[in-house]
Structures are given as C-alpha cells and as structure tokens.
Amino acid sequence: MADYSKSSISLIDFDFKMRLIALFLILFLLSLASSLSAKALAVASDHLEGNTLTLIEGTSKIYGIRLQNPDSSESRVKVDYDGQFMKLLDYREEYILPPQSSTRIEFNVTAPNYDKNNDSFTLSYTVHQLSAPSGSGIPFLTKINKNFKLKVARDPNKFYIDYDSAAYLTVILAFLLYIFWKKNKARKGKRKFRKFL
C-alpha cells in the first residue's frame, strides 16, 4: 500500500509541476506581448483621384509626402525616387525626423511632351528608415515603397497634326485631283475635236 501512495504523490507533483510551468509560460508571453510596441515610421501622401496625377505636357506640379515619426526618439530616413519626371525639392542625403513629429517633403513633377502612344507613366519613391527606434521592444527598420501614375494630356493651346490622318487625307486628295485632271483632259479633248470639225 505504501507503493500506491507514492504513486499518487508523484502524480500530484507532476500535475503541480505542469500547472506551474503553464503559469510561467503564460506570464512570460504576457510580459513579451506588453514589451512589444508597434510604433513605426509612416508615410502619408497627397490625395490623387484614382492614384493618378494628370498634367498638361510641359507643365509641373508639386506633389507632397509627409514622413511621420510616432516614436519618442528621433529617426533618420533616406528617400529614393524615380528621377525621370520627378525632382526632390530641398534634397538631403538623409532626413532627421524629430520625435513624435511629421516632416513634409515635396517633389516637383514635370510632364514630358505628349505622345498619344505613350501618355501614362508610373512614378515611384521609397523611404528607408536608417535608424531603429530606441526603447523596449524589438527594433526593426522599415522600407516603404509607394507609386502613382502620371498621365500626360495634350496642350489645348497647341495645334497637333496627326500624321496618320494627314497621310490618308493626302491620298484621298491626290485621288480627287487625278479624277478632276482626267475630266478636264477629256473636256479639252472634246473641245479640240469640235474646233477641228
């Protein structure tokens, strides 16, 4: 009978140990979850209808973004962008964002000459976080990539020649002139014939 009581004591000890391990595991997970803070760099941009900026050829417009630092320490960021039609105003190698602030950055977007076969372009920019926020939690560096479309419109003040239509019009005009010349030649031939008689 003594063997039976030792067996029940060891079962009670095992059950107690499992509960104790589960309690420590729950406390550990709760402390880990409370130490994770999800504050990260954010990028907000100017509103564009349909995410498309429409410009008349040769004109420019300012497009702005705001870099937001919700952390309690300063953050360093770098901005890369597509330089074909965009130029960053007040360019810096890196921007230092003060704690819990927002910094506006502006691009000058310029539309190229209008081409009916190629009038829509995708422009993009990327914001790289260079320094991790200090404090508790797991530090990570973010990289945010955004893009928008540039649609180039014709200048209403300019006269455009559609070369395909001009070629068709030239062919039709040449055909009509040929018919007119043939009719005149036939008339002149009849007149000469009448004078001859």
N, C-alpha and C. Protein backbone atom coordinates (compact mmCIF):
# COMPACT_ATOMS: atom_id res chain seq x y z
N MET A 1 0.81 -1.19 0.00
CA MET A 1 0.00 0.00 0.00
C MET A 1 0.85 1.26 0.00
N ALA A 2 2.02 1.16 0.53
CA ALA A 2 2.92 2.30 0.53
C ALA A 2 3.33 2.66 -0.88
N ASP A 3 3.46 1.65 -1.74
CA ASP A 3 3.82 1.92 -3.12
C ASP A 3 2.72 2.70 -3.83
N TYR A 4 1.45 2.40 -3.47
CA TYR A 4 0.33 3.08 -4.11
C TYR A 4 0.28 4.54 -3.73
N SER A 5 0.58 4.89 -2.47
CA SER A 5 0.56 6.28 -2.02
C SER A 5 1.69 7.08 -2.66
N LYS A 6 2.85 6.45 -2.86
CA LYS A 6 3.95 7.15 -3.52
C LYS A 6 3.59 7.48 -4.96
N SER A 7 2.85 6.58 -5.59
CA SER A 7 2.44 6.80 -6.97
C SER A 7 1.48 7.98 -7.07
N SER A 8 0.52 8.11 -6.14
CA SER A 8 -0.42 9.24 -6.18
C SER A 8 0.28 10.54 -5.83
N ILE A 9 1.27 10.51 -4.97
CA ILE A 9 2.03 11.72 -4.63
C ILE A 9 2.83 12.18 -5.85
N SER A 10 3.42 11.22 -6.57
CA SER A 10 4.19 11.60 -7.74
C SER A 10 3.27 12.14 -8.83
N LEU A 11 2.02 11.64 -8.92
CA LEU A 11 1.05 12.18 -9.88
C LEU A 11 0.67 13.60 -9.50
N ILE A 12 0.48 13.85 -8.23
CA ILE A 12 0.15 15.19 -7.76
C ILE A 12 1.32 16.13 -8.01
N ASP A 13 2.52 15.68 -7.76
CA ASP A 13 3.70 16.51 -8.04
C ASP A 13 3.80 16.82 -9.54
N PHE A 14 3.52 15.83 -10.40
CA PHE A 14 3.59 16.03 -11.84
C PHE A 14 2.52 17.05 -12.28
N ASP A 15 1.31 16.93 -11.78
CA ASP A 15 0.23 17.85 -12.12
C ASP A 15 0.57 19.27 -11.64
N PHE A 16 1.13 19.38 -10.44
CA PHE A 16 1.53 20.67 -9.90
C PHE A 16 2.65 21.29 -10.74
N LYS A 17 3.61 20.45 -11.15
CA LYS A 17 4.71 20.95 -11.98
C LYS A 17 4.19 21.45 -13.33
N MET A 18 3.24 20.76 -13.93
CA MET A 18 2.69 21.16 -15.22
C MET A 18 1.94 22.48 -15.10
N ARG A 19 1.18 22.63 -14.04
CA ARG A 19 0.46 23.89 -13.82
C ARG A 19 1.44 25.04 -13.59
N LEU A 20 2.49 24.77 -12.84
CA LEU A 20 3.50 25.78 -12.58
C LEU A 20 4.21 26.19 -13.87
N ILE A 21 4.54 25.23 -14.71
CA ILE A 21 5.19 25.53 -16.00
C ILE A 21 4.24 26.33 -16.88
N ALA A 22 2.96 25.95 -16.94
CA ALA A 22 1.97 26.67 -17.74
C ALA A 22 1.81 28.10 -17.24
N LEU A 23 1.80 28.30 -15.92
CA LEU A 23 1.69 29.64 -15.35
C LEU A 23 2.90 30.50 -15.73
N PHE A 24 4.10 29.94 -15.62
CA PHE A 24 5.31 30.69 -16.01
C PHE A 24 5.30 31.01 -17.51
N LEU A 25 4.85 30.07 -18.30
CA LEU A 25 4.78 30.29 -19.75
C LEU A 25 3.80 31.41 -20.08
N ILE A 26 2.65 31.42 -19.44
CA ILE A 26 1.65 32.48 -19.67
C ILE A 26 2.20 33.83 -19.23
N LEU A 27 2.84 33.88 -18.06
CA LEU A 27 3.43 35.14 -17.59
C LEU A 27 4.53 35.63 -18.53
N PHE A 28 5.32 34.73 -19.04
CA PHE A 28 6.38 35.09 -19.97
C PHE A 28 5.80 35.67 -21.26
N LEU A 29 4.78 35.03 -21.80
CA LEU A 29 4.15 35.52 -23.03
C LEU A 29 3.46 36.86 -22.82
N LEU A 30 2.84 37.06 -21.66
CA LEU A 30 2.21 38.35 -21.36
C LEU A 30 3.26 39.46 -21.25
N SER A 31 4.37 39.17 -20.60
CA SER A 31 5.42 40.19 -20.48
C SER A 31 6.05 40.49 -21.83
N LEU A 32 6.20 39.48 -22.67
CA LEU A 32 6.74 39.68 -24.01
C LEU A 32 5.78 40.52 -24.85
N ALA A 33 4.49 40.22 -24.77
CA ALA A 33 3.50 40.96 -25.55
C ALA A 33 3.40 42.41 -25.08
N SER A 34 3.53 42.64 -23.79
CA SER A 34 3.44 44.02 -23.29
C SER A 34 4.69 44.83 -23.63
N SER A 35 5.81 44.15 -23.88
CA SER A 35 7.03 44.90 -24.21
C SER A 35 7.11 45.25 -25.69
N LEU A 36 6.30 44.60 -26.53
CA LEU A 36 6.31 44.92 -27.96
C LEU A 36 5.45 46.15 -28.22
N SER A 37 6.07 47.18 -28.72
CA SER A 37 5.30 48.36 -29.10
C SER A 37 5.39 48.49 -30.62
N ALA A 38 4.27 48.69 -31.26
CA ALA A 38 4.21 48.71 -32.72
C ALA A 38 4.23 50.13 -33.26
N LYS A 39 5.19 50.91 -32.86
CA LYS A 39 5.36 52.25 -33.39
C LYS A 39 6.38 52.17 -34.51
N ALA A 40 5.98 52.64 -35.69
CA ALA A 40 6.89 52.56 -36.83
C ALA A 40 6.71 53.79 -37.71
N LEU A 41 7.68 54.01 -38.53
CA LEU A 41 7.66 55.10 -39.49
C LEU A 41 6.45 54.98 -40.40
N ALA A 42 5.83 56.10 -40.73
CA ALA A 42 4.67 56.09 -41.63
C ALA A 42 4.87 57.15 -42.71
N VAL A 43 4.28 56.90 -43.87
CA VAL A 43 4.35 57.85 -44.99
C VAL A 43 2.94 58.14 -45.45
N ALA A 44 2.57 59.42 -45.48
CA ALA A 44 1.28 59.85 -46.00
C ALA A 44 1.54 60.74 -47.20
N SER A 45 0.71 60.62 -48.23
CA SER A 45 0.94 61.39 -49.45
C SER A 45 -0.29 62.21 -49.81
N ASP A 46 -0.09 63.19 -50.72
CA ASP A 46 -1.19 64.00 -51.21
C ASP A 46 -2.22 63.09 -51.89
N HIS A 47 -3.48 63.48 -51.78
CA HIS A 47 -4.54 62.67 -52.39
C HIS A 47 -4.56 62.89 -53.91
N LEU A 48 -4.61 61.79 -54.64
CA LEU A 48 -4.74 61.84 -56.09
C LEU A 48 -5.95 60.99 -56.48
N GLU A 49 -6.85 61.56 -57.27
CA GLU A 49 -8.02 60.84 -57.74
C GLU A 49 -7.58 59.66 -58.60
N GLY A 50 -7.92 58.45 -58.20
CA GLY A 50 -7.52 57.26 -58.93
C GLY A 50 -6.02 57.02 -58.89
N ASN A 51 -5.34 57.60 -57.91
CA ASN A 51 -3.88 57.49 -57.76
C ASN A 51 -3.16 57.94 -59.04
N THR A 52 -3.77 58.95 -59.74
CA THR A 52 -3.21 59.45 -60.99
C THR A 52 -3.10 60.96 -60.96
N LEU A 53 -1.92 61.46 -61.30
CA LEU A 53 -1.68 62.89 -61.43
C LEU A 53 -1.73 63.22 -62.91
N THR A 54 -2.69 64.06 -63.32
CA THR A 54 -2.84 64.43 -64.73
C THR A 54 -2.27 65.83 -64.93
N LEU A 55 -1.32 65.93 -65.87
CA LEU A 55 -0.68 67.22 -66.18
C LEU A 55 -0.71 67.45 -67.68
N ILE A 56 -0.81 68.72 -68.06
CA ILE A 56 -0.68 69.09 -69.47
C ILE A 56 0.80 69.07 -69.79
N GLU A 57 1.13 68.61 -71.00
CA GLU A 57 2.53 68.45 -71.39
C GLU A 57 3.34 69.72 -71.11
N GLY A 58 4.53 69.51 -70.56
CA GLY A 58 5.44 70.60 -70.27
C GLY A 58 5.17 71.37 -68.98
N THR A 59 4.09 71.05 -68.28
CA THR A 59 3.79 71.75 -67.03
C THR A 59 4.29 70.94 -65.84
N SER A 60 4.34 71.60 -64.68
CA SER A 60 4.82 70.96 -63.45
C SER A 60 3.80 71.16 -62.34
N LYS A 61 3.91 70.29 -61.35
CA LYS A 61 3.07 70.40 -60.16
C LYS A 61 3.85 69.85 -58.97
N ILE A 62 3.61 70.42 -57.81
CA ILE A 62 4.23 69.96 -56.57
C ILE A 62 3.40 68.81 -56.00
N TYR A 63 4.08 67.70 -55.70
CA TYR A 63 3.46 66.53 -55.08
C TYR A 63 4.16 66.33 -53.75
N GLY A 64 3.40 66.29 -52.65
CA GLY A 64 4.00 66.22 -51.33
C GLY A 64 3.72 64.92 -50.59
N ILE A 65 4.68 64.54 -49.77
CA ILE A 65 4.50 63.41 -48.85
C ILE A 65 4.87 63.89 -47.46
N ARG A 66 4.36 63.22 -46.45
CA ARG A 66 4.70 63.52 -45.06
C ARG A 66 5.27 62.27 -44.41
N LEU A 67 6.44 62.44 -43.83
CA LEU A 67 7.09 61.35 -43.08
C LEU A 67 6.72 61.54 -41.62
N GLN A 68 6.14 60.51 -41.02
CA GLN A 68 5.65 60.61 -39.66
C GLN A 68 6.45 59.69 -38.74
N ASN A 69 6.95 60.27 -37.65
CA ASN A 69 7.73 59.53 -36.67
C ASN A 69 6.93 59.48 -35.35
N PRO A 70 6.23 58.38 -35.06
CA PRO A 70 5.45 58.31 -33.83
C PRO A 70 6.27 57.93 -32.60
N ASP A 71 7.53 57.60 -32.79
CA ASP A 71 8.38 57.14 -31.69
C ASP A 71 8.81 58.32 -30.80
N SER A 72 9.29 58.01 -29.61
CA SER A 72 9.72 59.04 -28.66
C SER A 72 11.18 59.44 -28.86
N SER A 73 11.84 58.88 -29.88
CA SER A 73 13.21 59.29 -30.19
C SER A 73 13.28 59.65 -31.67
N GLU A 74 14.31 60.41 -32.03
CA GLU A 74 14.43 60.84 -33.42
C GLU A 74 14.75 59.65 -34.33
N SER A 75 14.40 59.81 -35.58
CA SER A 75 14.61 58.75 -36.55
C SER A 75 15.26 59.34 -37.80
N ARG A 76 16.15 58.57 -38.41
CA ARG A 76 16.83 59.01 -39.65
C ARG A 76 16.26 58.22 -40.81
N VAL A 77 15.94 58.92 -41.91
CA VAL A 77 15.39 58.25 -43.08
C VAL A 77 16.07 58.76 -44.35
N LYS A 78 15.99 57.96 -45.40
CA LYS A 78 16.53 58.31 -46.70
C LYS A 78 15.40 58.13 -47.72
N VAL A 79 15.33 59.03 -48.71
CA VAL A 79 14.29 58.96 -49.73
C VAL A 79 14.94 58.73 -51.09
N ASP A 80 14.56 57.62 -51.74
CA ASP A 80 14.98 57.34 -53.12
C ASP A 80 13.76 57.53 -54.01
N TYR A 81 13.98 57.99 -55.25
CA TYR A 81 12.85 58.24 -56.14
C TYR A 81 13.27 58.09 -57.59
N ASP A 82 12.25 57.95 -58.44
CA ASP A 82 12.44 57.85 -59.88
C ASP A 82 12.69 59.26 -60.40
N GLY A 83 13.89 59.54 -60.90
CA GLY A 83 14.27 60.89 -61.27
C GLY A 83 13.95 61.29 -62.70
N GLN A 84 13.23 60.45 -63.45
CA GLN A 84 12.96 60.79 -64.84
C GLN A 84 12.01 61.99 -64.96
N PHE A 85 10.94 61.99 -64.18
CA PHE A 85 9.95 63.08 -64.25
C PHE A 85 9.75 63.77 -62.91
N MET A 86 10.47 63.32 -61.87
CA MET A 86 10.32 63.90 -60.53
C MET A 86 11.66 64.45 -60.07
N LYS A 87 11.59 65.53 -59.31
CA LYS A 87 12.79 66.07 -58.68
C LYS A 87 12.42 66.43 -57.25
N LEU A 88 13.25 65.99 -56.31
CA LEU A 88 13.00 66.25 -54.90
C LEU A 88 13.44 67.67 -54.58
N LEU A 89 12.54 68.47 -54.05
CA LEU A 89 12.89 69.83 -53.63
C LEU A 89 13.55 69.73 -52.25
N ASP A 90 14.53 70.55 -52.00
CA ASP A 90 15.26 70.54 -50.73
C ASP A 90 15.84 69.14 -50.46
N TYR A 91 16.56 68.61 -51.46
CA TYR A 91 17.13 67.26 -51.36
C TYR A 91 18.19 67.18 -50.26
N ARG A 92 18.14 66.09 -49.50
CA ARG A 92 19.16 65.78 -48.49
C ARG A 92 19.49 64.30 -48.59
N GLU A 93 20.71 63.95 -48.24
CA GLU A 93 21.10 62.53 -48.23
C GLU A 93 20.27 61.75 -47.22
N GLU A 94 20.01 62.37 -46.07
CA GLU A 94 19.14 61.74 -45.07
C GLU A 94 18.38 62.83 -44.33
N TYR A 95 17.19 62.47 -43.93
CA TYR A 95 16.33 63.39 -43.18
C TYR A 95 16.27 62.91 -41.74
N ILE A 96 16.36 63.84 -40.81
CA ILE A 96 16.26 63.52 -39.39
C ILE A 96 14.88 63.97 -38.92
N LEU A 97 14.08 63.01 -38.49
CA LEU A 97 12.73 63.29 -38.04
C LEU A 97 12.72 63.41 -36.52
N PRO A 98 12.31 64.55 -35.99
CA PRO A 98 12.22 64.70 -34.53
C PRO A 98 11.19 63.73 -33.96
N PRO A 99 11.27 63.45 -32.65
CA PRO A 99 10.32 62.52 -32.02
C PRO A 99 8.88 63.01 -32.15
N GLN A 100 7.98 62.10 -32.39
CA GLN A 100 6.54 62.35 -32.47
C GLN A 100 6.22 63.57 -33.34
N SER A 101 6.72 63.53 -34.59
CA SER A 101 6.52 64.66 -35.49
C SER A 101 6.24 64.18 -36.90
N SER A 102 5.96 65.15 -37.74
CA SER A 102 5.71 64.89 -39.16
C SER A 102 6.52 65.91 -39.97
N THR A 103 7.19 65.44 -41.01
CA THR A 103 8.00 66.31 -41.87
C THR A 103 7.49 66.20 -43.30
N ARG A 104 7.24 67.36 -43.93
CA ARG A 104 6.74 67.39 -45.31
C ARG A 104 7.92 67.42 -46.28
N ILE A 105 7.83 66.59 -47.30
CA ILE A 105 8.83 66.54 -48.38
C ILE A 105 8.07 66.72 -49.68
N GLU A 106 8.63 67.55 -50.58
CA GLU A 106 7.93 67.86 -51.82
C GLU A 106 8.74 67.45 -53.04
N PHE A 107 8.02 66.95 -54.04
CA PHE A 107 8.59 66.60 -55.33
C PHE A 107 8.03 67.56 -56.38
N ASN A 108 8.86 67.97 -57.32
CA ASN A 108 8.38 68.72 -58.47
C ASN A 108 8.21 67.71 -59.61
N VAL A 109 6.97 67.47 -60.02
CA VAL A 109 6.67 66.50 -61.07
C VAL A 109 6.44 67.28 -62.36
N THR A 110 7.19 66.94 -63.41
CA THR A 110 7.10 67.63 -64.70
C THR A 110 6.65 66.65 -65.77
N ALA A 111 5.66 67.06 -66.55
CA ALA A 111 5.14 66.21 -67.62
C ALA A 111 5.99 66.36 -68.87
N PRO A 112 6.32 65.25 -69.54
CA PRO A 112 7.07 65.33 -70.80
C PRO A 112 6.15 65.77 -71.94
N ASN A 113 6.69 65.85 -73.16
CA ASN A 113 5.87 66.16 -74.33
C ASN A 113 4.86 65.05 -74.56
N TYR A 114 3.72 65.45 -75.07
CA TYR A 114 2.62 64.49 -75.29
C TYR A 114 2.96 63.53 -76.43
N ASP A 115 2.66 62.27 -76.20
CA ASP A 115 2.79 61.23 -77.21
C ASP A 115 1.58 60.32 -77.04
N LYS A 116 0.72 60.26 -78.08
CA LYS A 116 -0.52 59.52 -77.91
C LYS A 116 -0.30 58.03 -77.65
N ASN A 117 0.83 57.49 -78.06
CA ASN A 117 1.12 56.08 -77.84
C ASN A 117 1.73 55.82 -76.46
N ASN A 118 2.22 56.87 -75.82
CA ASN A 118 2.89 56.71 -74.52
C ASN A 118 2.57 57.93 -73.67
N ASP A 119 1.37 57.96 -73.07
CA ASP A 119 0.96 59.13 -72.30
C ASP A 119 0.74 58.84 -70.83
N SER A 120 1.11 57.64 -70.37
CA SER A 120 0.93 57.28 -68.96
C SER A 120 2.22 56.66 -68.43
N PHE A 121 2.65 57.14 -67.26
CA PHE A 121 3.91 56.69 -66.66
C PHE A 121 3.67 56.36 -65.19
N THR A 122 4.44 55.41 -64.67
CA THR A 122 4.38 55.08 -63.24
C THR A 122 5.60 55.68 -62.55
N LEU A 123 5.35 56.53 -61.57
CA LEU A 123 6.42 57.17 -60.79
C LEU A 123 6.43 56.54 -59.40
N SER A 124 7.63 56.36 -58.84
CA SER A 124 7.70 55.72 -57.53
C SER A 124 8.75 56.38 -56.65
N TYR A 125 8.59 56.18 -55.37
CA TYR A 125 9.57 56.64 -54.38
C TYR A 125 9.60 55.63 -53.24
N THR A 126 10.76 55.56 -52.58
CA THR A 126 10.95 54.62 -51.48
C THR A 126 11.54 55.37 -50.29
N VAL A 127 11.00 55.13 -49.12
CA VAL A 127 11.51 55.73 -47.88
C VAL A 127 12.15 54.61 -47.06
N HIS A 128 13.46 54.77 -46.78
CA HIS A 128 14.22 53.78 -45.99
C HIS A 128 14.46 54.36 -44.60
N GLN A 129 14.16 53.60 -43.59
CA GLN A 129 14.48 54.01 -42.22
C GLN A 129 15.91 53.57 -41.94
N LEU A 130 16.76 54.51 -41.53
CA LEU A 130 18.18 54.23 -41.32
C LEU A 130 18.53 53.94 -39.87
N SER A 131 17.70 54.42 -38.93
CA SER A 131 17.99 54.17 -37.52
C SER A 131 16.77 53.57 -36.85
N ALA A 132 17.02 52.59 -36.01
CA ALA A 132 15.93 51.92 -35.29
C ALA A 132 15.53 52.75 -34.07
N PRO A 133 14.26 52.75 -33.72
CA PRO A 133 13.83 53.49 -32.54
C PRO A 133 14.41 52.88 -31.27
N SER A 134 14.70 53.73 -30.30
CA SER A 134 15.25 53.23 -29.04
C SER A 134 14.11 52.83 -28.10
N GLY A 135 14.45 52.13 -27.06
CA GLY A 135 13.45 51.75 -26.07
C GLY A 135 13.18 50.26 -26.10
N SER A 136 12.10 49.89 -25.43
CA SER A 136 11.77 48.47 -25.32
C SER A 136 11.16 47.98 -26.62
N GLY A 137 11.12 46.71 -26.77
CA GLY A 137 10.56 46.11 -27.96
C GLY A 137 11.65 45.62 -28.89
N ILE A 138 11.21 45.05 -29.98
CA ILE A 138 12.15 44.53 -30.96
C ILE A 138 12.36 45.58 -32.04
N PRO A 139 13.58 46.10 -32.18
CA PRO A 139 13.80 47.14 -33.18
C PRO A 139 13.82 46.55 -34.60
N PHE A 140 13.19 47.25 -35.53
CA PHE A 140 13.25 46.85 -36.93
C PHE A 140 13.24 48.11 -37.80
N LEU A 141 13.87 48.02 -38.95
CA LEU A 141 13.96 49.14 -39.88
C LEU A 141 12.95 48.92 -41.00
N THR A 142 12.15 49.92 -41.26
CA THR A 142 11.13 49.78 -42.29
C THR A 142 11.60 50.35 -43.62
N LYS A 143 10.98 49.86 -44.67
CA LYS A 143 11.22 50.34 -46.02
C LYS A 143 9.85 50.43 -46.67
N ILE A 144 9.44 51.64 -47.04
CA ILE A 144 8.11 51.85 -47.59
C ILE A 144 8.24 52.31 -49.04
N ASN A 145 7.64 51.56 -49.94
CA ASN A 145 7.69 51.88 -51.36
C ASN A 145 6.28 52.28 -51.82
N LYS A 146 6.16 53.43 -52.48
CA LYS A 146 4.86 53.89 -52.98
C LYS A 146 5.02 54.34 -54.42
N ASN A 147 3.92 54.27 -55.17
CA ASN A 147 3.96 54.77 -56.54
C ASN A 147 2.62 55.38 -56.91
N PHE A 148 2.64 56.16 -57.99
CA PHE A 148 1.43 56.75 -58.54
C PHE A 148 1.63 56.92 -60.03
N LYS A 149 0.55 57.18 -60.74
CA LYS A 149 0.62 57.31 -62.19
C LYS A 149 0.65 58.78 -62.60
N LEU A 150 1.39 59.06 -63.65
CA LEU A 150 1.43 60.38 -64.28
C LEU A 150 0.79 60.23 -65.65
N LYS A 151 -0.29 60.96 -65.88
CA LYS A 151 -0.97 60.94 -67.18
C LYS A 151 -0.73 62.29 -67.84
N VAL A 152 -0.19 62.26 -69.06
CA VAL A 152 0.13 63.48 -69.80
C VAL A 152 -1.01 63.79 -70.75
N ALA A 153 -1.52 65.03 -70.68
CA ALA A 153 -2.61 65.47 -71.54
C ALA A 153 -2.07 66.45 -72.59
N ARG A 154 -2.79 66.53 -73.70
CA ARG A 154 -2.42 67.48 -74.76
C ARG A 154 -2.62 68.90 -74.29
N ASP A 155 -1.78 69.80 -74.80
CA ASP A 155 -1.94 71.22 -74.53
C ASP A 155 -3.05 71.73 -75.44
N PRO A 156 -4.14 72.25 -74.88
CA PRO A 156 -5.26 72.70 -75.72
C PRO A 156 -4.91 73.94 -76.56
N ASN A 157 -3.85 74.63 -76.22
CA ASN A 157 -3.46 75.84 -76.96
C ASN A 157 -2.57 75.53 -78.16
N LYS A 158 -2.16 74.28 -78.33
CA LYS A 158 -1.29 73.90 -79.44
C LYS A 158 -2.10 73.22 -80.54
N PHE A 159 -1.62 73.37 -81.78
CA PHE A 159 -2.21 72.69 -82.92
C PHE A 159 -1.42 71.41 -83.16
N TYR A 160 -2.11 70.28 -83.22
CA TYR A 160 -1.45 69.00 -83.41
C TYR A 160 -1.79 68.43 -84.78
N ILE A 161 -0.81 67.85 -85.41
CA ILE A 161 -1.01 67.16 -86.68
C ILE A 161 -0.92 65.67 -86.41
N ASP A 162 -1.99 64.99 -86.79
CA ASP A 162 -1.98 63.54 -86.69
C ASP A 162 -1.47 63.02 -88.02
N TYR A 163 -0.26 62.50 -88.04
CA TYR A 163 0.39 62.13 -89.28
C TYR A 163 -0.31 61.00 -90.01
N ASP A 164 -0.94 60.09 -89.30
CA ASP A 164 -1.69 59.02 -89.96
C ASP A 164 -2.88 59.60 -90.72
N SER A 165 -3.63 60.48 -90.08
CA SER A 165 -4.78 61.12 -90.74
C SER A 165 -4.31 61.99 -91.89
N ALA A 166 -3.20 62.69 -91.73
CA ALA A 166 -2.68 63.55 -92.79
C ALA A 166 -2.28 62.70 -94.00
N ALA A 167 -1.74 61.52 -93.79
CA ALA A 167 -1.36 60.64 -94.90
C ALA A 167 -2.60 60.16 -95.65
N TYR A 168 -3.65 59.74 -94.93
CA TYR A 168 -4.89 59.32 -95.58
C TYR A 168 -5.52 60.47 -96.36
N LEU A 169 -5.53 61.66 -95.76
CA LEU A 169 -6.09 62.83 -96.42
C LEU A 169 -5.32 63.17 -97.69
N THR A 170 -4.01 63.03 -97.67
CA THR A 170 -3.18 63.30 -98.85
C THR A 170 -3.50 62.31 -99.96
N VAL A 171 -3.67 61.04 -99.64
CA VAL A 171 -4.00 60.03 -100.64
C VAL A 171 -5.37 60.33 -101.26
N ILE A 172 -6.35 60.67 -100.44
CA ILE A 172 -7.70 60.98 -100.95
C ILE A 172 -7.66 62.23 -101.82
N LEU A 173 -6.94 63.26 -101.38
CA LEU A 173 -6.81 64.49 -102.15
C LEU A 173 -6.12 64.22 -103.49
N ALA A 174 -5.07 63.42 -103.51
CA ALA A 174 -4.38 63.08 -104.75
C ALA A 174 -5.31 62.33 -105.69
N PHE A 175 -6.14 61.43 -105.16
CA PHE A 175 -7.09 60.69 -105.98
C PHE A 175 -8.13 61.63 -106.59
N LEU A 176 -8.65 62.56 -105.78
CA LEU A 176 -9.64 63.52 -106.29
C LEU A 176 -9.02 64.43 -107.36
N LEU A 177 -7.78 64.88 -107.17
CA LEU A 177 -7.10 65.70 -108.17
C LEU A 177 -6.89 64.92 -109.45
N TYR A 178 -6.57 63.65 -109.33
CA TYR A 178 -6.40 62.81 -110.52
C TYR A 178 -7.70 62.71 -111.29
N ILE A 179 -8.82 62.50 -110.62
CA ILE A 179 -10.13 62.41 -111.28
C ILE A 179 -10.47 63.75 -111.94
N PHE A 180 -10.24 64.87 -111.23
CA PHE A 180 -10.51 66.20 -111.77
C PHE A 180 -9.65 66.45 -113.01
N TRP A 181 -8.40 66.06 -112.98
CA TRP A 181 -7.50 66.24 -114.13
C TRP A 181 -7.97 65.42 -115.32
N LYS A 182 -8.41 64.18 -115.08
CA LYS A 182 -8.91 63.32 -116.15
C LYS A 182 -10.15 63.94 -116.80
N LYS A 183 -11.07 64.46 -115.97
CA LYS A 183 -12.28 65.08 -116.52
C LYS A 183 -11.93 66.30 -117.36
N ASN A 184 -11.00 67.13 -116.86
CA ASN A 184 -10.60 68.32 -117.61
C ASN A 184 -9.91 67.92 -118.91
N LYS A 185 -9.11 66.91 -118.89
CA LYS A 185 -8.41 66.44 -120.08
C LYS A 185 -9.42 65.94 -121.11
N ALA A 186 -10.44 65.23 -120.64
CA ALA A 186 -11.48 64.72 -121.53
C ALA A 186 -12.26 65.89 -122.14
N ARG A 187 -12.58 66.92 -121.37
CA ARG A 187 -13.30 68.09 -121.87
C ARG A 187 -12.47 68.83 -122.90
N LYS A 188 -11.18 69.03 -122.60
CA LYS A 188 -10.31 69.73 -123.54
C LYS A 188 -10.19 68.95 -124.84
N GLY A 189 -10.17 67.64 -124.74
CA GLY A 189 -10.12 66.79 -125.93
C GLY A 189 -11.37 66.96 -126.78
N LYS A 190 -12.56 67.05 -126.15
CA LYS A 190 -13.81 67.24 -126.88
C LYS A 190 -13.84 68.61 -127.53
N ARG A 191 -13.32 69.62 -126.84
CA ARG A 191 -13.31 70.98 -127.40
C ARG A 191 -12.41 71.03 -128.63
N LYS A 192 -11.26 70.43 -128.55
CA LYS A 192 -10.35 70.41 -129.69
C LYS A 192 -11.00 69.67 -130.86
N PHE A 193 -11.72 68.59 -130.53
CA PHE A 193 -12.37 67.81 -131.58
C PHE A 193 -13.46 68.62 -132.25
N ARG A 194 -14.22 69.43 -131.49
CA ARG A 194 -15.27 70.28 -132.03
C ARG A 194 -14.66 71.38 -132.88
N LYS A 195 -13.55 71.96 -132.46
CA LYS A 195 -12.90 73.00 -133.25
C LYS A 195 -12.39 72.42 -134.56
N PHE A 196 -11.98 71.22 -134.51
CA PHE A 196 -11.46 70.56 -135.68
C PHE A 196 -12.55 70.35 -136.71
N LEU A 197 -13.79 70.04 -136.28
CA LEU A 197 -14.88 69.79 -137.22
C LEU A 197 -15.34 71.07 -137.78
